[in-house]
Amino acid sequence: MDALTAALKVAASGLGAQSERLRVVSENLANAQSTGSTPGADPYRRKTITFQSEVDRATGGSLV
């Protein structure tokens, strides 16, 4: 794989990750005022997203 292809793969991966993060943020904004559908039901709880590098997954590393 040449350097240009490697750089494009890294850029595409970063754009995919950013897209996923923005999707989660938009869901949180859209549902911020949601309440439970039945009496006593829990209201909407925000979602969070955590990214982990491919190196960590490949080597068995974990977040601290």
N, C-alpha and C. Protein backbone atom coordinates (compact mmCIF):
# COMPACT_ATOMS: atom_id res chain seq x y z
N MET A 1 0.86 -1.17 0.00
CA MET A 1 0.00 0.00 0.00
C MET A 1 0.91 1.23 0.00
N ASP A 2 0.65 2.12 -0.92
CA ASP A 2 1.47 3.32 -0.98
C ASP A 2 1.01 4.35 0.05
N ALA A 3 1.80 5.38 0.21
CA ALA A 3 1.54 6.39 1.25
C ALA A 3 0.22 7.12 1.03
N LEU A 4 -0.12 7.39 -0.23
CA LEU A 4 -1.36 8.11 -0.51
C LEU A 4 -2.57 7.27 -0.12
N THR A 5 -2.55 6.00 -0.45
CA THR A 5 -3.65 5.11 -0.09
C THR A 5 -3.78 4.99 1.43
N ALA A 6 -2.66 4.88 2.11
CA ALA A 6 -2.68 4.79 3.58
C ALA A 6 -3.27 6.06 4.19
N ALA A 7 -2.88 7.21 3.66
CA ALA A 7 -3.40 8.47 4.18
C ALA A 7 -4.90 8.59 3.93
N LEU A 8 -5.36 8.15 2.77
CA LEU A 8 -6.79 8.19 2.47
C LEU A 8 -7.58 7.25 3.37
N LYS A 9 -7.01 6.10 3.70
CA LYS A 9 -7.70 5.17 4.61
C LYS A 9 -7.82 5.77 6.01
N VAL A 10 -6.78 6.44 6.46
CA VAL A 10 -6.82 7.09 7.77
C VAL A 10 -7.87 8.20 7.77
N ALA A 11 -7.89 9.00 6.71
CA ALA A 11 -8.86 10.09 6.62
C ALA A 11 -10.29 9.55 6.58
N ALA A 12 -10.52 8.48 5.83
CA ALA A 12 -11.86 7.88 5.74
C ALA A 12 -12.29 7.32 7.08
N SER A 13 -11.37 6.73 7.79
CA SER A 13 -11.68 6.19 9.12
C SER A 13 -12.06 7.31 10.08
N GLY A 14 -11.32 8.40 10.04
CA GLY A 14 -11.62 9.54 10.90
C GLY A 14 -12.98 10.16 10.57
N LEU A 15 -13.30 10.25 9.29
CA LEU A 15 -14.60 10.80 8.89
C LEU A 15 -15.73 9.88 9.33
N GLY A 16 -15.52 8.58 9.25
CA GLY A 16 -16.54 7.64 9.70
C GLY A 16 -16.78 7.75 11.20
N ALA A 17 -15.71 7.90 11.96
CA ALA A 17 -15.83 8.05 13.41
C ALA A 17 -16.55 9.35 13.76
N GLN A 18 -16.21 10.42 13.08
CA GLN A 18 -16.86 11.71 13.34
C GLN A 18 -18.35 11.64 12.98
N SER A 19 -18.66 10.96 11.90
CA SER A 19 -20.05 10.80 11.49
C SER A 19 -20.85 10.06 12.55
N GLU A 20 -20.28 9.01 13.10
CA GLU A 20 -20.95 8.25 14.16
C GLU A 20 -21.15 9.11 15.41
N ARG A 21 -20.14 9.89 15.77
CA ARG A 21 -20.26 10.76 16.94
C ARG A 21 -21.36 11.79 16.74
N LEU A 22 -21.43 12.38 15.56
CA LEU A 22 -22.48 13.37 15.28
C LEU A 22 -23.86 12.73 15.27
N ARG A 23 -23.97 11.48 14.82
CA ARG A 23 -25.26 10.79 14.84
C ARG A 23 -25.76 10.62 16.27
N VAL A 24 -24.85 10.24 17.18
CA VAL A 24 -25.23 10.07 18.58
C VAL A 24 -25.61 11.41 19.20
N VAL A 25 -24.87 12.45 18.91
CA VAL A 25 -25.19 13.78 19.43
C VAL A 25 -26.56 14.24 18.93
N SER A 26 -26.84 14.01 17.66
CA SER A 26 -28.14 14.45 17.12
C SER A 26 -29.29 13.66 17.74
N GLU A 27 -29.09 12.37 18.02
CA GLU A 27 -30.13 11.59 18.71
C GLU A 27 -30.37 12.15 20.11
N ASN A 28 -29.29 12.51 20.80
CA ASN A 28 -29.43 13.07 22.14
C ASN A 28 -30.20 14.39 22.10
N LEU A 29 -29.89 15.24 21.14
CA LEU A 29 -30.60 16.52 21.02
C LEU A 29 -32.07 16.31 20.67
N ALA A 30 -32.34 15.39 19.77
CA ALA A 30 -33.72 15.16 19.34
C ALA A 30 -34.58 14.60 20.47
N ASN A 31 -33.98 13.84 21.36
CA ASN A 31 -34.75 13.18 22.41
C ASN A 31 -34.58 13.82 23.79
N ALA A 32 -33.95 14.98 23.86
CA ALA A 32 -33.65 15.60 25.15
C ALA A 32 -34.89 15.87 25.99
N GLN A 33 -36.00 16.22 25.37
CA GLN A 33 -37.22 16.55 26.10
C GLN A 33 -38.19 15.37 26.20
N SER A 34 -37.77 14.20 25.75
CA SER A 34 -38.66 13.03 25.78
C SER A 34 -38.88 12.56 27.20
N THR A 35 -40.09 12.14 27.46
CA THR A 35 -40.43 11.56 28.76
C THR A 35 -40.84 10.12 28.54
N GLY A 36 -41.03 9.40 29.60
CA GLY A 36 -41.46 8.01 29.49
C GLY A 36 -42.83 7.92 28.84
N SER A 37 -43.06 6.86 28.08
CA SER A 37 -44.33 6.73 27.35
C SER A 37 -45.48 6.28 28.25
N THR A 38 -45.15 5.73 29.42
CA THR A 38 -46.18 5.32 30.37
C THR A 38 -45.88 5.96 31.71
N PRO A 39 -46.88 6.13 32.55
CA PRO A 39 -46.62 6.71 33.87
C PRO A 39 -45.59 5.88 34.65
N GLY A 40 -44.63 6.56 35.21
CA GLY A 40 -43.58 5.89 35.98
C GLY A 40 -42.42 5.40 35.14
N ALA A 41 -42.51 5.53 33.81
CA ALA A 41 -41.42 5.09 32.94
C ALA A 41 -40.27 6.08 33.01
N ASP A 42 -39.08 5.59 32.79
CA ASP A 42 -37.90 6.45 32.82
C ASP A 42 -37.88 7.39 31.61
N PRO A 43 -37.40 8.62 31.79
CA PRO A 43 -37.24 9.53 30.66
C PRO A 43 -36.06 9.08 29.80
N TYR A 44 -35.89 9.72 28.67
CA TYR A 44 -34.78 9.40 27.77
C TYR A 44 -33.45 9.65 28.49
N ARG A 45 -32.52 8.74 28.31
CA ARG A 45 -31.17 8.91 28.87
C ARG A 45 -30.21 9.09 27.72
N ARG A 46 -29.33 10.06 27.86
CA ARG A 46 -28.40 10.35 26.77
C ARG A 46 -27.49 9.16 26.49
N LYS A 47 -27.08 9.06 25.25
CA LYS A 47 -26.14 8.03 24.83
C LYS A 47 -24.76 8.66 24.77
N THR A 48 -23.76 7.87 25.02
CA THR A 48 -22.38 8.34 24.88
C THR A 48 -21.65 7.39 23.94
N ILE A 49 -20.58 7.86 23.37
CA ILE A 49 -19.80 7.03 22.47
C ILE A 49 -18.34 7.17 22.87
N THR A 50 -17.65 6.05 22.90
CA THR A 50 -16.24 6.03 23.25
C THR A 50 -15.47 5.32 22.14
N PHE A 51 -14.44 5.95 21.65
CA PHE A 51 -13.63 5.35 20.60
C PHE A 51 -12.37 4.76 21.20
N GLN A 52 -11.95 3.67 20.60
CA GLN A 52 -10.74 3.00 21.04
C GLN A 52 -9.90 2.74 19.80
N SER A 53 -8.62 2.91 19.87
CA SER A 53 -7.80 2.75 18.68
C SER A 53 -7.71 1.28 18.26
N GLU A 54 -7.46 1.08 16.99
CA GLU A 54 -7.32 -0.28 16.46
C GLU A 54 -6.14 -0.99 17.12
N VAL A 55 -5.09 -0.25 17.46
CA VAL A 55 -3.94 -0.86 18.11
C VAL A 55 -4.34 -1.44 19.45
N ASP A 56 -5.15 -0.71 20.22
CA ASP A 56 -5.60 -1.22 21.51
C ASP A 56 -6.39 -2.50 21.35
N ARG A 57 -7.28 -2.55 20.36
CA ARG A 57 -8.09 -3.75 20.14
C ARG A 57 -7.21 -4.92 19.72
N ALA A 58 -6.24 -4.66 18.86
CA ALA A 58 -5.39 -5.73 18.35
C ALA A 58 -4.47 -6.29 19.43
N THR A 59 -4.03 -5.44 20.36
CA THR A 59 -3.10 -5.89 21.39
C THR A 59 -3.77 -6.26 22.69
N GLY A 60 -5.08 -6.08 22.75
CA GLY A 60 -5.80 -6.42 23.98
C GLY A 60 -5.74 -5.33 25.03
N GLY A 61 -5.33 -4.13 24.65
CA GLY A 61 -5.27 -3.02 25.59
C GLY A 61 -6.67 -2.61 26.03
N SER A 62 -6.74 -1.89 27.12
CA SER A 62 -8.05 -1.44 27.60
C SER A 62 -7.97 0.01 28.04
N LEU A 63 -9.14 0.62 28.15
CA LEU A 63 -9.22 2.00 28.62
C LEU A 63 -9.09 2.05 30.13
N VAL A 64 -8.48 3.10 30.63
CA VAL A 64 -8.33 3.26 32.08
C VAL A 64 -9.10 4.49 32.50
